[in-house]
C-alpha atoms as a PDB file:
ATOM      1  CA  MET A   1       0.271   0.270  -0.070  1.00  0.00           C
ATOM      2  CA  ALA A   2       1.357   3.492  -1.175  1.00  0.00           C
ATOM      3  CA  THR A   3       2.599   5.623   1.757  1.00  0.00           C
ATOM      4  CA  PRO A   4       1.923   9.637   1.394  1.00  0.00           C
ATOM      5  CA  ASN A   5       5.688   9.546   0.791  1.00  0.00           C
ATOM      6  CA  ASP A   6       5.609   7.617  -2.200  1.00  0.00           C
ATOM      7  CA  TYR A   7       3.266   9.807  -4.165  1.00  0.00           C
ATOM      8  CA  ARG A   8       5.313  12.689  -3.045  1.00  0.00           C
ATOM      9  CA  ARG A   9       8.074  10.970  -4.858  1.00  0.00           C
ATOM     10  CA  ILE A  10       5.921  10.614  -7.971  1.00  0.00           C
ATOM     11  CA  THR A  11       5.092  14.161  -8.139  1.00  0.00           C
ATOM     12  CA  ARG A  12       8.636  15.215  -7.697  1.00  0.00           C
ATOM     13  CA  LYS A  13       9.610  13.108 -10.847  1.00  0.00           C
ATOM     14  CA  THR A  14       6.151  14.448 -13.004  1.00  0.00           C
ATOM     15  CA  ASP A  15       6.891  18.418 -12.246  1.00  0.00           C
ATOM     16  CA  ARG A  16       8.428  20.302 -14.560  1.00  0.00           C
ATOM     17  CA  PRO A  17      10.264  23.775 -13.278  1.00  0.00           C
ATOM     18  CA  MET A  18       7.736  27.161 -14.214  1.00  0.00           C
ATOM     19  CA  TRP A  19      10.128  28.018 -16.542  1.00  0.00           C
ATOM     20  CA  ILE A  20      10.236  25.357 -19.120  1.00  0.00           C
ATOM     21  CA  TRP A  21       6.721  26.024 -19.487  1.00  0.00           C
ATOM     22  CA  ALA A  22       7.165  29.090 -20.077  1.00  0.00           C
ATOM     23  CA  GLY A  23       9.740  28.484 -22.456  1.00  0.00           C
ATOM     24  CA  CYS A  24       8.079  26.294 -24.966  1.00  0.00           C
ATOM     25  CA  ALA A  25       5.074  28.851 -24.804  1.00  0.00           C
ATOM     26  CA  LEU A  26       7.602  31.544 -25.710  1.00  0.00           C
ATOM     27  CA  THR A  27       8.786  29.340 -28.672  1.00  0.00           C
ATOM     28  CA  SER A  28       5.257  29.003 -29.724  1.00  0.00           C
ATOM     29  CA  VAL A  29       4.224  32.778 -29.849  1.00  0.00           C
ATOM     30  CA  LEU A  30       7.387  33.473 -31.561  1.00  0.00           C
ATOM     31  CA  LEU A  31       6.633  30.579 -34.095  1.00  0.00           C
ATOM     32  CA  LEU A  32       3.748  32.448 -34.835  1.00  0.00           C
ATOM     33  CA  PHE A  33       4.787  35.967 -35.412  1.00  0.00           C
ATOM     34  CA  GLY A  34       7.313  34.650 -37.687  1.00  0.00           C
ATOM     35  CA  VAL A  35       5.141  33.068 -40.024  1.00  0.00           C
ATOM     36  CA  GLY A  36       2.832  36.168 -39.515  1.00  0.00           C
ATOM     37  CA  ILE A  37       5.709  38.330 -40.799  1.00  0.00           C
ATOM     38  CA  PHE A  38       6.385  35.831 -43.727  1.00  0.00           C
ATOM     39  CA  VAL A  39       2.901  35.849 -45.271  1.00  0.00           C
ATOM     40  CA  ALA A  40       2.797  39.813 -44.991  1.00  0.00           C
ATOM     41  CA  ILE A  41       6.272  40.030 -46.794  1.00  0.00           C
ATOM     42  CA  THR A  42       4.582  38.146 -49.623  1.00  0.00           C
ATOM     43  CA  VAL A  43       1.846  39.641 -49.974  1.00  0.00           C
ATOM     44  CA  LEU A  44       3.084  43.676 -50.015  1.00  0.00           C
ATOM     45  CA  ASN A  45       6.093  41.730 -51.982  1.00  0.00           C
ATOM     46  CA  LYS A  46       3.264  40.612 -54.572  1.00  0.00           C
ATOM     47  CA  ASP A  47       1.567  43.999 -54.576  1.00  0.00           C
ATOM     48  CA  ASP A  48       4.541  45.973 -54.907  1.00  0.00           C
ATOM     49  CA  GLU A  49       5.552  43.819 -58.271  1.00  0.00           C
ATOM     50  CA  PRO A  50       4.932  46.103 -61.230  1.00  0.00           C
ATOM     51  CA  GLN A  51       1.735  45.401 -62.955  1.00  0.00           C
ATOM     52  CA  GLY A  52       1.601  46.258 -66.635  1.00  0.00           C
ATOM     53  CA  LYS A  53      -1.427  48.304 -67.965  1.00  0.00           C
ATOM     54  CA  LEU A  54      -2.570  49.433 -71.737  1.00  0.00           C
ATOM     55  CA  PRO A  55      -1.292  52.826 -73.005  1.00  0.00           C
ATOM     56  CA  ASP A  56      -3.287  55.949 -71.980  1.00  0.00           C
ATOM     57  CA  VAL A  57      -2.627  57.313 -75.178  1.00  0.00           C
ATOM     58  CA  TRP A  58      -3.650  55.239 -78.573  1.00  0.00           C
ATOM     59  CA  PRO A  59      -2.461  55.109 -81.366  1.00  0.00           C
ATOM     60  CA  SER A  60       1.097  56.402 -80.150  1.00  0.00           C
ATOM     61  CA  LYS A  61       2.949  59.286 -81.545  1.00  0.00           C
ATOM     62  CA  THR A  62       4.653  57.481 -84.444  1.00  0.00           C
ATOM     63  CA  GLY A  63       1.894  55.235 -85.121  1.00  0.00           C
ATOM     64  CA  GLU A  64      -1.526  55.577 -87.451  1.00  0.00           C
ATOM     65  CA  ALA A  65      -5.434  54.177 -86.379  1.00  0.00           C
ATOM     66  CA  LEU A  66      -6.487  51.528 -88.510  1.00  0.00           C
ATOM     67  CA  ARG A  67      -8.081  52.189 -91.793  1.00  0.00           C
ATOM     68  CA  PRO A  68     -10.568  50.240 -94.263  1.00  0.00           C
ATOM     69  CA  VAL A  69      -7.890  48.799 -97.113  1.00  0.00           C
ATOM     70  CA  PRO A  70      -8.450  45.975 -99.413  1.00  0.00           C
ATOM     71  CA  MET A  71      -6.978  42.171 -98.328  1.00  0.00           C
ATOM     72  CA  PRO A  72      -4.415  40.884-100.862  1.00  0.00           C
ATOM     73  CA  THR A  73      -4.899  37.424-101.668  1.00  0.00           C
ATOM     74  CA  GLY A  74      -2.534  34.571-103.071  1.00  0.00           C
ATOM     75  CA  GLU A  75       1.297  35.826-102.849  1.00  0.00           C
ATOM     76  CA  MET A  76       0.119  39.436-103.188  1.00  0.00           C
ATOM     77  CA  VAL A  77       0.584  40.112 -99.358  1.00  0.00           C
ATOM     78  CA  ALA A  78       4.869  40.000-100.190  1.00  0.00           C
ATOM     79  CA  ALA A  79       4.538  42.488-102.513  1.00  0.00           C
ATOM     80  CA  LEU A  80       2.568  45.833-100.335  1.00  0.00           C
ATOM     81  CA  THR A  81       4.049  48.910 -99.583  1.00  0.00           C
ATOM     82  CA  ASP A  82       5.036  48.982 -95.670  1.00  0.00           C
ATOM     83  CA  ASP A  83       2.282  51.140 -94.629  1.00  0.00           C
ATOM     84  CA  THR A  84      -0.452  48.896 -96.803  1.00  0.00           C
ATOM     85  CA  GLY A  85       1.337  46.277 -95.475  1.00  0.00           C
ATOM     86  CA  ALA A  86       1.072  47.244 -91.698  1.00  0.00           C
ATOM     87  CA  GLN A  87      -2.523  47.711 -92.153  1.00  0.00           C
ATOM     88  CA  VAL A  88      -3.288  44.338 -93.835  1.00  0.00           C
ATOM     89  CA  LEU A  89      -1.407  42.236 -91.035  1.00  0.00           C
ATOM     90  CA  CYS A  90      -3.510  44.266 -88.160  1.00  0.00           C
ATOM     91  CA  GLN A  91      -6.577  43.220 -89.926  1.00  0.00           C
ATOM     92  CA  ALA A  92      -6.030  39.995 -91.643  1.00  0.00           C
ATOM     93  CA  ILE A  93      -7.539  38.502 -88.435  1.00  0.00           C
ATOM     94  CA  PRO A  94     -10.636  40.124 -85.722  1.00  0.00           C
ATOM     95  CA  GLU A  95      -9.442  41.710 -82.969  1.00  0.00           C
ATOM     96  CA  GLN A  96     -11.205  38.886 -80.815  1.00  0.00           C
ATOM     97  CA  ARG A  97      -8.480  36.251 -82.128  1.00  0.00           C
ATOM     98  CA  TRP A  98      -5.558  38.500 -81.528  1.00  0.00           C
ATOM     99  CA  GLU A  99      -6.595  38.860 -78.125  1.00  0.00           C
ATOM    100  CA  GLU A 100      -7.210  35.081 -77.718  1.00  0.00           C
ATOM    101  CA  ILE A 101      -3.863  34.388 -78.962  1.00  0.00           C
ATOM    102  CA  LEU A 102      -1.757  37.158 -76.789  1.00  0.00           C
ATOM    103  CA  GLY A 103      -4.526  36.267 -73.538  1.00  0.00           C
ATOM    104  CA  GLY A 104      -5.923  39.802 -73.166  1.00  0.00           C
ATOM    105  CA  ARG A 105      -7.274  42.847 -74.378  1.00  0.00           C
ATOM    106  CA  THR A 106      -5.329  44.109 -77.503  1.00  0.00           C
ATOM    107  CA  LEU A 107      -4.658  47.836 -78.977  1.00  0.00           C
ATOM    108  CA  ARG A 108      -3.154  47.550 -82.713  1.00  0.00           C
ATOM    109  CA  GLU A 109      -1.992  50.488 -84.748  1.00  0.00           C
ATOM    110  CA  ALA A 110      -0.131  50.425 -87.963  1.00  0.00           C
ATOM    111  CA  GLY A 111       2.808  52.077 -89.171  1.00  0.00           C
ATOM    112  CA  GLY A 112       6.231  50.545 -90.560  1.00  0.00           C
ATOM    113  CA  SER A 113       4.680  47.134 -89.160  1.00  0.00           C
ATOM    114  CA  CYS A 114       1.517  46.394 -87.855  1.00  0.00           C
ATOM    115  CA  HIS A 115       2.482  47.363 -83.961  1.00  0.00           C
ATOM    116  CA  ALA A 116       0.127  45.384 -81.143  1.00  0.00           C
ATOM    117  CA  VAL A 117       0.391  45.625 -77.378  1.00  0.00           C
ATOM    118  CA  THR A 118      -1.333  44.068 -74.441  1.00  0.00           C
ATOM    119  CA  ALA A 119      -1.089  44.398 -70.650  1.00  0.00           C
ATOM    120  CA  ASP A 120       2.385  42.717 -70.451  1.00  0.00           C
ATOM    121  CA  LEU A 121       3.178  42.397 -74.523  1.00  0.00           C
ATOM    122  CA  ASP A 122       4.537  44.548 -77.065  1.00  0.00           C
ATOM    123  CA  VAL A 123       3.768  42.400 -80.433  1.00  0.00           C
ATOM    124  CA  SER A 124       5.156  43.749 -83.963  1.00  0.00           C
ATOM    125  CA  ALA A 125       4.395  41.799 -87.775  1.00  0.00           C
ATOM    126  CA  ARG A 126       5.857  43.351 -90.938  1.00  0.00           C
ATOM    127  CA  MET A 127       6.660  41.425 -94.162  1.00  0.00           C
ATOM    128  CA  ILE A 128      10.769  41.543 -95.057  1.00  0.00           C
ATOM    129  CA  PRO A 129      12.919  40.682 -97.605  1.00  0.00           C
ATOM    130  CA  ALA A 130      14.599  37.477 -96.222  1.00  0.00           C
ATOM    131  CA  LEU A 131      15.061  35.024 -93.318  1.00  0.00           C
ATOM    132  CA  PRO A 132      17.042  36.709 -90.704  1.00  0.00           C
ATOM    133  CA  GLU A 133      20.757  34.846 -89.731  1.00  0.00           C
ATOM    134  CA  ASP A 134      20.729  37.130 -86.324  1.00  0.00           C
ATOM    135  CA  THR A 135      18.271  38.671 -83.850  1.00  0.00           C
ATOM    136  CA  SER A 136      18.329  40.528 -80.800  1.00  0.00           C
ATOM    137  CA  GLN A 137      17.416  37.318 -79.334  1.00  0.00           C
ATOM    138  CA  GLY A 138      20.392  35.674 -80.448  1.00  0.00           C
ATOM    139  CA  ARG A 139      20.952  33.289 -83.759  1.00  0.00           C
ATOM    140  CA  PRO A 140      17.657  31.597 -84.480  1.00  0.00           C
ATOM    141  CA  ALA A 141      16.976  27.933 -84.999  1.00  0.00           C
ATOM    142  CA  LYS A 142      14.460  26.259 -87.707  1.00  0.00           C
ATOM    143  CA  THR A 143      10.855  25.608 -87.234  1.00  0.00           C
ATOM    144  CA  THR A 144       8.222  25.550 -89.677  1.00  0.00           C
ATOM    145  CA  VAL A 145       5.009  27.146 -89.171  1.00  0.00           C
ATOM    146  CA  ALA A 146       1.632  26.218 -91.033  1.00  0.00           C
ATOM    147  CA  GLY A 147       3.753  24.017 -93.508  1.00  0.00           C
ATOM    148  CA  LYS A 148       6.397  26.856 -94.056  1.00  0.00           C
ATOM    149  CA  LEU A 149       9.929  26.911 -93.605  1.00  0.00           C
ATOM    150  CA  GLY A 150      10.892  29.417 -90.311  1.00  0.00           C
ATOM    151  CA  VAL A 151      13.433  30.318 -88.157  1.00  0.00           C
ATOM    152  CA  ILE A 152      13.106  31.428 -84.399  1.00  0.00           C
ATOM    153  CA  ALA A 153      14.485  33.124 -81.667  1.00  0.00           C
ATOM    154  CA  THR A 154      13.835  33.115 -78.379  1.00  0.00           C
ATOM    155  CA  ASP A 155      15.258  34.909 -74.790  1.00  0.00           C
ATOM    156  CA  LYS A 156      13.814  36.035 -71.849  1.00  0.00           C
ATOM    157  CA  ASP A 157      12.868  39.125 -72.711  1.00  0.00           C
ATOM    158  CA  GLY A 158      10.902  38.076 -76.013  1.00  0.00           C
ATOM    159  CA  THR A 159      10.799  35.544 -79.461  1.00  0.00           C
ATOM    160  CA  SER A 160      11.933  36.446 -83.071  1.00  0.00           C
ATOM    161  CA  LEU A 161      10.138  34.297 -85.668  1.00  0.00           C
ATOM    162  CA  SER A 162      10.385  34.359 -89.191  1.00  0.00           C
ATOM    163  CA  VAL A 163       8.646  32.562 -91.655  1.00  0.00           C
ATOM    164  CA  GLU A 164       9.252  32.175 -95.192  1.00  0.00           C
ATOM    165  CA  LEU A 165       5.461  32.703 -97.131  1.00  0.00           C
ATOM    166  CA  VAL A 166       6.421  32.843-100.932  1.00  0.00           C
ATOM    167  CA  GLU A 167       9.766  31.176-102.321  1.00  0.00           C
ATOM    168  CA  ILE A 168      12.257  34.023-102.308  1.00  0.00           C
ATOM    169  CA  ALA A 169      14.873  33.322-105.111  1.00  0.00           C
ATOM    170  CA  PRO A 170      12.784  34.458-107.691  1.00  0.00           C
ATOM    171  CA  HIS A 171      11.530  37.311-106.272  1.00  0.00           C
ATOM    172  CA  ASN A 172      14.123  39.449-104.978  1.00  0.00           C
ATOM    173  CA  GLY A 173      12.605  42.723-104.235  1.00  0.00           C
ATOM    174  CA  ALA A 174       9.995  41.562-102.734  1.00  0.00           C
ATOM    175  CA  SER A 175       9.121  41.125 -99.015  1.00  0.00           C
ATOM    176  CA  PRO A 176       7.923  37.542 -99.119  1.00  0.00           C
ATOM    177  CA  VAL A 177       8.948  36.716 -95.239  1.00  0.00           C
ATOM    178  CA  LEU A 178       6.620  37.553 -92.480  1.00  0.00           C
ATOM    179  CA  ASN A 179       8.354  38.567 -89.020  1.00  0.00           C
ATOM    180  CA  VAL A 180       6.647  38.580 -85.703  1.00  0.00           C
ATOM    181  CA  SER A 181       8.212  39.604 -82.611  1.00  0.00           C
ATOM    182  CA  VAL A 182       6.716  39.433 -78.937  1.00  0.00           C
ATOM    183  CA  ARG A 183       8.306  41.355 -76.291  1.00  0.00           C
ATOM    184  CA  SER A 184       7.172  41.316 -72.705  1.00  0.00           C
ATOM    185  CA  ARG A 185       6.400  45.052 -71.182  1.00  0.00           C
ATOM    186  CA  VAL A 186       6.729  43.801 -67.736  1.00  0.00           C
ATOM    187  CA  ALA A 187       9.541  42.623 -65.323  1.00  0.00           C
ATOM    188  CA  LYS A 188       8.682  39.054 -64.874  1.00  0.00           C
ATOM    189  CA  SER A 189       8.536  38.089 -68.621  1.00  0.00           C
ATOM    190  CA  PRO A 190       5.026  35.863 -69.788  1.00  0.00           C
ATOM    191  CA  GLU A 191       5.326  33.184 -72.288  1.00  0.00           C
ATOM    192  CA  THR A 192       6.100  34.297 -75.763  1.00  0.00           C
ATOM    193  CA  GLU A 193       7.271  31.841 -77.695  1.00  0.00           C
ATOM    194  CA  GLY A 194       4.144  29.711 -78.505  1.00  0.00           C
ATOM    195  CA  LYS A 195       2.388  33.177 -78.905  1.00  0.00           C
ATOM    196  CA  ALA A 196       4.559  34.571 -82.002  1.00  0.00           C
ATOM    197  CA  LYS A 197       3.862  31.023 -83.257  1.00  0.00           C
ATOM    198  CA  ALA A 198       0.251  30.845 -82.557  1.00  0.00           C
ATOM    199  CA  LEU A 199       0.275  34.284 -84.162  1.00  0.00           C
ATOM    200  CA  ALA A 200       2.127  33.474 -86.812  1.00  0.00           C
ATOM    201  CA  GLU A 201      -0.138  30.936 -88.447  1.00  0.00           C
ATOM    202  CA  ALA A 202      -3.361  32.835 -87.652  1.00  0.00           C
ATOM    203  CA  LEU A 203      -1.830  35.943 -89.917  1.00  0.00           C
ATOM    204  CA  ILE A 204      -0.933  33.626 -92.841  1.00  0.00           C
ATOM    205  CA  ALA A 205      -3.846  32.133 -92.698  1.00  0.00           C
ATOM    206  CA  GLY A 206      -5.942  35.448 -92.968  1.00  0.00           C
ATOM    207  CA  ALA A 207      -3.405  37.148 -95.252  1.00  0.00           C
ATOM    208  CA  THR A 208      -2.954  34.622 -98.045  1.00  0.00           C
ATOM    209  CA  PRO A 209      -6.168  32.874 -99.213  1.00  0.00           C
ATOM    210  CA  PRO A 210      -6.208  31.433-102.245  1.00  0.00           C
ATOM    211  CA  GLY A 211      -5.347  34.060-104.719  1.00  0.00           C
ATOM    212  CA  PRO A 212      -2.720  34.774-107.573  1.00  0.00           C
ATOM    213  CA  LYS A 213       1.433  33.952-107.479  1.00  0.00           C
ATOM    214  CA  LEU A 214       3.861  36.978-107.174  1.00  0.00           C
ATOM    215  CA  PRO A 215       5.042  37.352-110.749  1.00  0.00           C
ATOM    216  CA  LYS A 216       8.607  36.616-111.338  1.00  0.00           C
ATOM    217  CA  ILE A 217      11.321  39.483-111.054  1.00  0.00           C
ATOM    218  CA  GLY A 218      13.897  39.479-113.561  1.00  0.00           C
ATOM    219  CA  ASP A 219      17.791  41.042-112.778  1.00  0.00           C
ATOM    220  CA  ASP A 220      16.500  44.891-113.554  1.00  0.00           C
ATOM    221  CA  GLY A 221      13.336  44.261-111.434  1.00  0.00           C
ATOM    222  CA  GLU A 222      11.140  43.755-115.048  1.00  0.00           C
ATOM    223  CA  ILE A 223       8.151  41.770-114.456  1.00  0.00           C
ATOM    224  CA  PRO A 224       5.665  40.062-117.405  1.00  0.00           C
ATOM    225  CA  LEU A 225       3.035  42.554-118.680  1.00  0.00           C
ATOM    226  CA  GLN A 226      -0.584  41.467-117.561  1.00  0.00           C
ATOM    227  CA  THR A 227      -3.622  43.561-117.961  1.00  0.00           C
ATOM    228  CA  VAL A 228      -6.135  44.706-115.113  1.00  0.00           C
ATOM    229  CA  GLU A 229      -9.245  46.310-115.169  1.00  0.00           C
ATOM    230  CA  PRO A 230      -8.672  50.421-114.250  1.00  0.00           C
ATOM    231  CA  GLY A 231      -8.705  51.649-111.130  1.00  0.00           C
ATOM    232  CA  PRO A 232      -7.156  53.465-108.214  1.00  0.00           C
ATOM    233  CA  ILE A 233      -3.637  52.835-106.995  1.00  0.00           C
ATOM    234  CA  LYS A 234      -4.399  53.162-103.212  1.00  0.00           C
ATOM    235  CA  ASP A 235      -3.315  50.096-101.536  1.00  0.00           C
ATOM    236  CA  LYS A 236      -2.759  48.039-104.529  1.00  0.00           C
ATOM    237  CA  PRO A 237       0.434  45.249-104.720  1.00  0.00           C
ATOM    238  CA  LEU A 238       3.040  46.611-106.349  1.00  0.00           C
ATOM    239  CA  PRO A 239       3.014  45.070-109.411  1.00  0.00           C
ATOM    240  CA  VAL A 240      -0.606  45.637-109.711  1.00  0.00           C
ATOM    241  CA  ILE A 241      -0.047  49.154-109.233  1.00  0.00           C
ATOM    242  CA  SER A 242       2.321  48.866-112.278  1.00  0.00           C
ATOM    243  CA  TRP A 243       0.055  47.076-114.430  1.00  0.00           C
ATOM    244  CA  LEU A 244      -2.341  49.790-114.008  1.00  0.00           C
ATOM    245  CA  LEU A 245       0.353  52.316-114.883  1.00  0.00           C
ATOM    246  CA  CYS A 246       1.008  50.735-118.136  1.00  0.00           C
ATOM    247  CA  GLY A 247      -2.190  50.517-118.804  1.00  0.00           C
ATOM    248  CA  GLU A 248      -3.448  54.380-118.184  1.00  0.00           C
ATOM    249  CA  LEU A 249       0.276  55.808-120.103  1.00  0.00           C
ATOM    250  CA  GLY A 250      -0.762  53.583-122.989  1.00  0.00           C
ATOM    251  CA  ARG A 251      -4.357  54.774-123.050  1.00  0.00           C
ATOM    252  CA  ALA A 252      -3.033  58.634-122.601  1.00  0.00           C
ATOM    253  CA  LEU A 253      -0.332  57.917-125.324  1.00  0.00           C
ATOM    254  CA  GLY A 254      -2.329  56.145-128.020  1.00  0.00           C
ATOM    255  CA  VAL A 255       0.344  53.026-127.824  1.00  0.00           C
ATOM    256  CA  PRO A 256      -0.818  49.417-128.366  1.00  0.00           C
ATOM    257  CA  ALA A 257      -0.503  47.621-124.445  1.00  0.00           C
ATOM    258  CA  ASP A 258       2.034  45.100-125.530  1.00  0.00           C
ATOM    259  CA  LYS A 259       4.377  48.323-126.057  1.00  0.00           C
ATOM    260  CA  ALA A 260       4.495  48.294-122.243  1.00  0.00           C
ATOM    261  CA  LYS A 261       7.483  47.499-119.860  1.00  0.00           C
ATOM    262  CA  PRO A 262       6.491  47.225-116.419  1.00  0.00           C
ATOM    263  CA  VAL A 263       8.826  46.595-113.574  1.00  0.00           C
ATOM    264  CA  PHE A 264       7.842  45.303-110.019  1.00  0.00           C
ATOM    265  CA  PHE A 265       8.494  48.399-108.035  1.00  0.00           C
ATOM    266  CA  ALA A 266       5.059  50.201-108.980  1.00  0.00           C
ATOM    267  CA  ALA A 267       6.881  51.856-112.421  1.00  0.00           C
ATOM    268  CA  CYS A 268       5.811  51.499-116.227  1.00  0.00           C
ATOM    269  CA  GLU A 269       7.917  52.511-119.253  1.00  0.00           C
ATOM    270  CA  VAL A 270       5.777  53.118-122.656  1.00  0.00           C
ATOM    271  CA  ASN A 271       7.140  54.641-125.392  1.00  0.00           C
ATOM    272  CA  GLY A 272       9.800  56.347-123.837  1.00  0.00           C
ATOM    273  CA  VAL A 273       7.733  57.330-120.954  1.00  0.00           C
ATOM    274  CA  THR A 274       8.296  56.755-117.332  1.00  0.00           C
ATOM    275  CA  ALA A 275       5.701  56.902-114.550  1.00  0.00           C
ATOM    276  CA  ASP A 276       6.972  55.680-111.384  1.00  0.00           C
ATOM    277  CA  TYR A 277       4.684  55.637-108.177  1.00  0.00           C
ATOM    278  CA  SER A 278       6.777  56.311-104.487  1.00  0.00           C
ATOM    279  CA  GLU A 279       5.125  55.692-101.271  1.00  0.00           C
ATOM    280  CA  ARG A 280       8.562  57.638 -99.577  1.00  0.00           C
ATOM    281  CA  SER A 281       9.359  60.395-102.058  1.00  0.00           C
ATOM    282  CA  SER A 282      11.835  63.321-101.404  1.00  0.00           C
ATOM    283  CA  VAL A 283      10.234  66.637-100.671  1.00  0.00           C
ATOM    284  CA  VAL A 284       8.219  67.919-103.585  1.00  0.00           C
ATOM    285  CA  HIS A 285       8.652  71.710-103.846  1.00  0.00           C
ATOM    286  CA  PRO A 286       5.068  72.651-105.750  1.00  0.00           C
ATOM    287  CA  THR A 287       6.264  74.766-108.790  1.00  0.00           C
ATOM    288  CA  THR A 288       2.229  74.316-110.151  1.00  0.00           C
ATOM    289  CA  SER A 289      -0.740  71.831-109.993  1.00  0.00           C
ATOM    290  CA  ILE A 290      -2.124  68.757-111.572  1.00  0.00           C
ATOM    291  CA  ALA A 291      -5.425  67.135-111.380  1.00  0.00           C
ATOM    292  CA  GLY A 292      -6.003  69.813-108.309  1.00  0.00           C
ATOM    293  CA  LEU A 293      -2.598  68.660-106.599  1.00  0.00           C
ATOM    294  CA  PRO A 294       0.757  70.022-106.077  1.00  0.00           C
ATOM    295  CA  ALA A 295       3.139  69.247-108.573  1.00  0.00           C
ATOM    296  CA  GLN A 296       7.101  70.045-109.057  1.00  0.00           C
ATOM    297  CA  VAL A 297       8.140  70.354-113.210  1.00  0.00           C
ATOM    298  CA  ALA A 298      12.159  70.311-113.440  1.00  0.00           C
ATOM    299  CA  ASP A 299      14.859  68.454-114.584  1.00  0.00           C
ATOM    300  CA  GLY A 300      12.232  67.145-117.978  1.00  0.00           C
ATOM    301  CA  SER A 301      10.469  65.476-114.912  1.00  0.00           C
ATOM    302  CA  VAL A 302       7.127  66.399-113.535  1.00  0.00           C
ATOM    303  CA  VAL A 303       5.917  65.101-109.665  1.00  0.00           C
ATOM    304  CA  VAL A 304       2.581  64.854-108.185  1.00  0.00           C
ATOM    305  CA  GLN A 305       2.185  65.176-104.993  1.00  0.00           C
ATOM    306  CA  LEU A 306      -0.470  62.525-103.993  1.00  0.00           C
ATOM    307  CA  THR A 307      -0.957  62.742-100.600  1.00  0.00           C
ATOM    308  CA  GLY A 308      -1.089  66.461 -98.277  1.00  0.00           C
ATOM    309  CA  ASP A 309       2.698  65.133 -97.049  1.00  0.00           C
ATOM    310  CA  PRO A 310       5.125  66.744 -98.993  1.00  0.00           C
ATOM    311  CA  ASP A 311       7.607  63.837 -98.758  1.00  0.00           C
ATOM    312  CA  GLY A 312       4.735  61.170 -98.874  1.00  0.00           C
ATOM    313  CA  GLN A 313       3.407  59.317-101.769  1.00  0.00           C
ATOM    314  CA  THR A 314       4.599  60.594-105.468  1.00  0.00           C
ATOM    315  CA  LEU A 315       3.949  59.830-108.677  1.00  0.00           C
ATOM    316  CA  LYS A 316       6.753  61.375-111.187  1.00  0.00           C
ATOM    317  CA  PHE A 317       6.731  61.194-114.685  1.00  0.00           C
ATOM    318  CA  LYS A 318       9.795  61.253-116.999  1.00  0.00           C
ATOM    319  CA  GLY A 319      10.632  61.103-120.573  1.00  0.00           C
ATOM    320  CA  THR A 320      10.014  63.369-123.781  1.00  0.00           C
ATOM    321  CA  GLY A 321       6.382  65.255-124.680  1.00  0.00           C
ATOM    322  CA  ASP A 322       4.328  67.069-122.669  1.00  0.00           C
ATOM    323  CA  LEU A 323       4.575  65.426-119.634  1.00  0.00           C
ATOM    324  CA  GLN A 324       2.405  67.998-117.803  1.00  0.00           C
ATOM    325  CA  ASN A 325      -0.547  67.344-120.138  1.00  0.00           C
ATOM    326  CA  LEU A 326       0.199  63.191-119.753  1.00  0.00           C
ATOM    327  CA  ALA A 327      -0.149  63.654-116.230  1.00  0.00           C
ATOM    328  CA  GLU A 328      -3.433  65.957-116.311  1.00  0.00           C
ATOM    329  CA  LYS A 329      -4.578  62.487-118.403  1.00  0.00           C
ATOM    330  CA  VAL A 330      -3.286  59.761-116.098  1.00  0.00           C
ATOM    331  CA  VAL A 331      -3.473  61.170-112.686  1.00  0.00           C
ATOM    332  CA  PRO A 332      -7.035  61.325-112.305  1.00  0.00           C
ATOM    333  CA  PRO A 333      -8.133  57.503-112.834  1.00  0.00           C
ATOM    334  CA  LEU A 334      -5.494  56.308-110.819  1.00  0.00           C
ATOM    335  CA  LEU A 335      -6.829  58.399-107.808  1.00  0.00           C
ATOM    336  CA  GLY A 336     -10.186  56.874-108.424  1.00  0.00           C
ATOM    337  CA  ARG A 337     -11.497  59.896-110.043  1.00  0.00           C
END
């Protein structure tokens, strides 16, 4: 039978000094406090991360708003002026498709290229003369997009992808390669390679529906003559502009159409007279007006300013004979008047 002394001995064995219990409690409190600080810091850091947002002003200072343009068919997307090409690529697929591919609301503008931005991405699409051998992302690797040869380079800042839409060799002077660049606008770069490939594939489908092939381009830029319906030259592919120039020159000079010599770069010669369209020209210093437009007559040539921009689109006539009178006949139908 246990005695009181036995109970005292058991109690002494199981008792713990008060300071041990206090230490355990303090340790628990410190652990909880530390976890709380860690969670708070994590949340604050997340809130402090720079968040991307769309520009407040759009189009940008150097950009142009989208406007209606005729969409090319076949291989003709490789023969557009820079401005028209940018408009076409921006509108080759619907706005909703842009946003599906890029993952958010997308703003688009034209200029030297089709330029688009989301809160996180900066994107450009343009036609270029050849597959690049190097990019800002480094040397590209071969790839395939929509069954076509391409090259791609990706680094931490983004992706550059180029795809050959038309065989280059017979078409030197054209821009048969689609270049798509997708870059991050925020510190933590989102995925870009998959988006670049998806966008390129969609643009190829949208900008190259069934249609005509590019004409073969000779060593001096010459192309075969082709008869086309009269009409305005605005936003037309370069060879189509050449054929339109040939038609109007022939009618104004009374020369059979088969005497015309078109070249790929929006120009044509008929009976010693050349008409040459330029998207970007040297500044016109008007000395007269032709078809109600400012024009410069000098050095055996007539240069007609087609837009309000003195160094913008022009039509130049050069050769023998009364060039002013010739220009008065040729210019109006080429402007759709």
